[in-house]
């Protein structure tokens, strides 16, 4: 942007960043989401070359429970994981997890490497996933709560079609 003063560029970046944050945190309850007509932009994610329109993120979590965990405890933990969909909310108290599914492994291939349970969590954007993984107090508490019962955790995230 030749000829544009640096302070104008900084202001433009600040406005775009604020729109992205407001659409996720929504402190005024405006319900601006990435499915709105405006969409959401998240400048911190450079995996697709910088500024990009948000896309669905699939977060896959695989557990190997300790033998000492017991079937009842594993069932409790699994149901608690599925319940995160309603419990994890934005600062405006709006649920932001699009979908959670999960269950015990039943693959006949024998390639599980000891992993026994799988959960798939869908987020509207990378920003929502990042909040969930790094900041959401309900999720942080859940991770600490299950730690004594889990021997191994494997996590894989992807944006559909991004290779």
Protein backbone atom coordinates (compact mmCIF):
# COMPACT_ATOMS: atom_id res chain seq x y z
CA UNK A 1 0.00 0.00 0.00
CA UNK A 2 2.30 2.64 -1.33
CA UNK A 3 1.84 6.16 -0.03
CA UNK A 4 -0.24 5.15 3.00
CA UNK A 5 0.99 6.50 6.30
CA UNK A 6 2.18 3.84 8.82
CA UNK A 7 -0.33 4.98 11.45
CA UNK A 8 -3.18 4.35 8.97
CA UNK A 9 -1.94 0.80 8.37
CA UNK A 10 -1.66 0.19 12.13
CA UNK A 11 -5.21 1.45 12.59
CA UNK A 12 -6.48 -0.82 9.81
CA UNK A 13 -4.75 -3.85 11.35
CA UNK A 14 -6.15 -2.97 14.80
CA UNK A 15 -9.70 -2.68 13.41
CA UNK A 16 -9.48 -6.02 11.59
CA UNK A 17 -8.04 -7.71 14.69
CA UNK A 18 -10.82 -6.25 16.85
CA UNK A 19 -13.48 -7.56 14.45
CA UNK A 20 -11.94 -11.03 14.68
CA UNK A 21 -11.80 -10.95 18.49
CA UNK A 22 -15.30 -9.53 18.85
CA UNK A 23 -16.75 -12.16 16.59
CA UNK A 24 -15.27 -14.88 18.82
CA UNK A 25 -15.51 -13.46 22.34
CA UNK A 26 -18.65 -11.41 21.60
CA UNK A 27 -18.70 -9.45 24.91
CA UNK A 28 -21.77 -7.49 23.81
CA UNK A 29 -23.75 -10.58 22.84
CA UNK A 30 -23.98 -9.49 19.20
CA UNK A 31 -23.60 -13.10 18.05
CA UNK A 32 -21.12 -12.30 15.30
CA UNK A 33 -19.67 -15.63 14.29
CA UNK A 34 -17.68 -17.00 11.40
CA UNK A 35 -20.96 -18.18 9.91
CA UNK A 36 -22.20 -14.58 9.73
CA UNK A 37 -22.21 -12.70 6.45
CA UNK A 38 -19.05 -10.87 7.48
CA UNK A 39 -17.09 -13.99 8.39
CA UNK A 40 -14.09 -13.80 10.72
CA UNK A 41 -10.45 -13.05 10.06
CA UNK A 42 -7.65 -14.27 12.30
CA UNK A 43 -4.30 -12.67 11.47
CA UNK A 44 -2.23 -14.78 13.86
CA UNK A 45 -2.69 -18.01 11.90
CA UNK A 46 -0.12 -18.03 9.11
CA UNK A 47 -0.57 -21.65 8.03
CA UNK A 48 -2.48 -20.52 4.98
CA UNK A 49 -0.26 -17.56 4.20
CA UNK A 50 -1.49 -14.93 6.65
CA UNK A 51 -4.95 -13.37 6.59
CA UNK A 52 -7.62 -15.90 5.83
CA UNK A 53 -11.29 -16.58 6.20
CA UNK A 54 -11.80 -19.05 9.02
CA UNK A 55 -12.64 -22.67 8.23
CA UNK A 56 -13.86 -25.63 10.25
CA UNK A 57 -11.19 -27.29 12.38
CA UNK A 58 -11.47 -30.95 13.35
CA UNK A 59 -9.68 -31.83 16.62
CA UNK A 60 -9.14 -35.57 17.16
CA UNK A 61 -8.19 -36.82 20.63
CA UNK A 62 -7.11 -40.44 21.21
CA UNK A 63 -6.69 -41.91 24.70
CA UNK A 64 -5.03 -44.96 26.14
CA UNK A 65 -6.40 -45.29 29.66
CA UNK A 66 -4.37 -46.78 32.46
CA UNK A 67 -5.33 -50.34 33.39
CA UNK A 68 -6.14 -49.09 36.89
CA UNK A 69 -8.76 -46.64 35.59
CA UNK A 70 -11.59 -49.19 35.50
CA UNK A 71 -14.64 -49.29 33.24
CA UNK A 72 -16.79 -47.04 35.43
CA UNK A 73 -14.18 -44.27 35.60
CA UNK A 74 -13.54 -44.50 31.84
CA UNK A 75 -17.29 -44.18 31.22
CA UNK A 76 -17.49 -41.14 33.53
CA UNK A 77 -14.54 -39.47 31.80
CA UNK A 78 -15.98 -40.23 28.35
CA UNK A 79 -19.37 -38.77 29.23
CA UNK A 80 -17.70 -35.73 30.80
CA UNK A 81 -15.72 -35.22 27.56
CA UNK A 82 -18.92 -35.32 25.50
CA UNK A 83 -20.47 -32.82 27.94
CA UNK A 84 -17.81 -30.23 27.13
CA UNK A 85 -19.92 -29.20 24.13
CA UNK A 86 -22.42 -27.47 26.42
CA UNK A 87 -20.01 -26.53 29.22
CA UNK A 88 -17.33 -24.74 27.19
CA UNK A 89 -18.58 -21.23 26.45
CA UNK A 90 -17.23 -17.90 25.22
CA UNK A 91 -16.94 -14.86 27.46
CA UNK A 92 -20.49 -14.01 26.31
CA UNK A 93 -21.63 -17.41 27.70
CA UNK A 94 -22.29 -18.84 24.23
CA UNK A 95 -21.31 -22.45 23.48
CA UNK A 96 -18.69 -22.52 20.73
CA UNK A 97 -17.97 -26.21 20.14
CA UNK A 98 -19.79 -27.19 16.99
CA UNK A 99 -19.90 -30.94 17.59
CA UNK A 100 -18.34 -33.67 19.76
CA UNK A 101 -18.54 -37.40 19.17
CA UNK A 102 -16.55 -40.27 20.56
CA UNK A 103 -16.40 -43.84 21.75
CA UNK A 104 -14.38 -46.96 22.43
CA UNK A 105 -12.18 -48.29 19.62
CA UNK A 106 -13.67 -51.19 17.67
CA UNK A 107 -11.37 -51.32 14.63
CA UNK A 108 -10.53 -54.81 13.35
CA UNK A 109 -7.27 -53.55 11.78
CA UNK A 110 -5.16 -53.87 14.91
CA UNK A 111 -3.28 -50.61 14.25
CA UNK A 112 -4.38 -48.73 17.39
CA UNK A 113 -1.02 -48.84 19.15
CA UNK A 114 -2.76 -49.32 22.49
CA UNK A 115 -5.14 -46.37 22.05
CA UNK A 116 -8.58 -47.36 23.29
CA UNK A 117 -10.91 -44.35 22.93
CA UNK A 118 -11.37 -41.64 20.29
CA UNK A 119 -13.10 -38.27 20.40
CA UNK A 120 -13.72 -35.89 17.52
CA UNK A 121 -14.37 -32.21 18.28
CA UNK A 122 -15.38 -29.71 15.58
CA UNK A 123 -14.76 -25.98 15.83
CA UNK A 124 -15.95 -23.22 13.53
CA UNK A 125 -12.44 -21.74 13.38
CA UNK A 126 -8.81 -22.10 14.42
CA UNK A 127 -9.35 -19.26 16.91
CA UNK A 128 -12.07 -21.24 18.71
CA UNK A 129 -9.87 -24.35 18.76
CA UNK A 130 -6.95 -22.32 20.09
CA UNK A 131 -9.12 -20.86 22.86
CA UNK A 132 -10.35 -24.35 23.78
CA UNK A 133 -6.87 -25.87 23.84
CA UNK A 134 -5.04 -23.05 25.60
CA UNK A 135 -7.47 -20.93 27.62
CA UNK A 136 -10.91 -22.39 28.24
CA UNK A 137 -11.09 -22.90 32.03
CA UNK A 138 -13.56 -25.81 31.77
CA UNK A 139 -11.29 -27.67 29.35
CA UNK A 140 -8.17 -26.90 31.42
CA UNK A 141 -9.92 -28.30 34.52
CA UNK A 142 -11.04 -31.40 32.61
CA UNK A 143 -7.48 -32.12 31.44
CA UNK A 144 -6.17 -31.94 35.01
CA UNK A 145 -9.03 -34.08 36.31
CA UNK A 146 -8.39 -36.98 33.90
CA UNK A 147 -4.58 -36.87 34.02
CA UNK A 148 -4.24 -39.59 36.71
CA UNK A 149 -6.29 -42.04 34.61
CA UNK A 150 -4.76 -41.55 31.17
CA UNK A 151 -1.56 -43.27 30.12
CA UNK A 152 -1.26 -41.74 26.65
CA UNK A 153 -2.95 -38.95 24.68
CA UNK A 154 -2.55 -38.34 20.96
CA UNK A 155 -4.05 -35.25 19.32
CA UNK A 156 -4.36 -34.46 15.62
CA UNK A 157 -6.06 -31.35 14.21
CA UNK A 158 -6.86 -30.48 10.63
CA UNK A 159 -8.80 -28.11 8.40
CA UNK A 160 -10.77 -30.17 5.92
CA UNK A 161 -9.08 -30.21 2.53
CA UNK A 162 -5.93 -28.38 3.68
CA UNK A 163 -3.04 -30.63 2.69
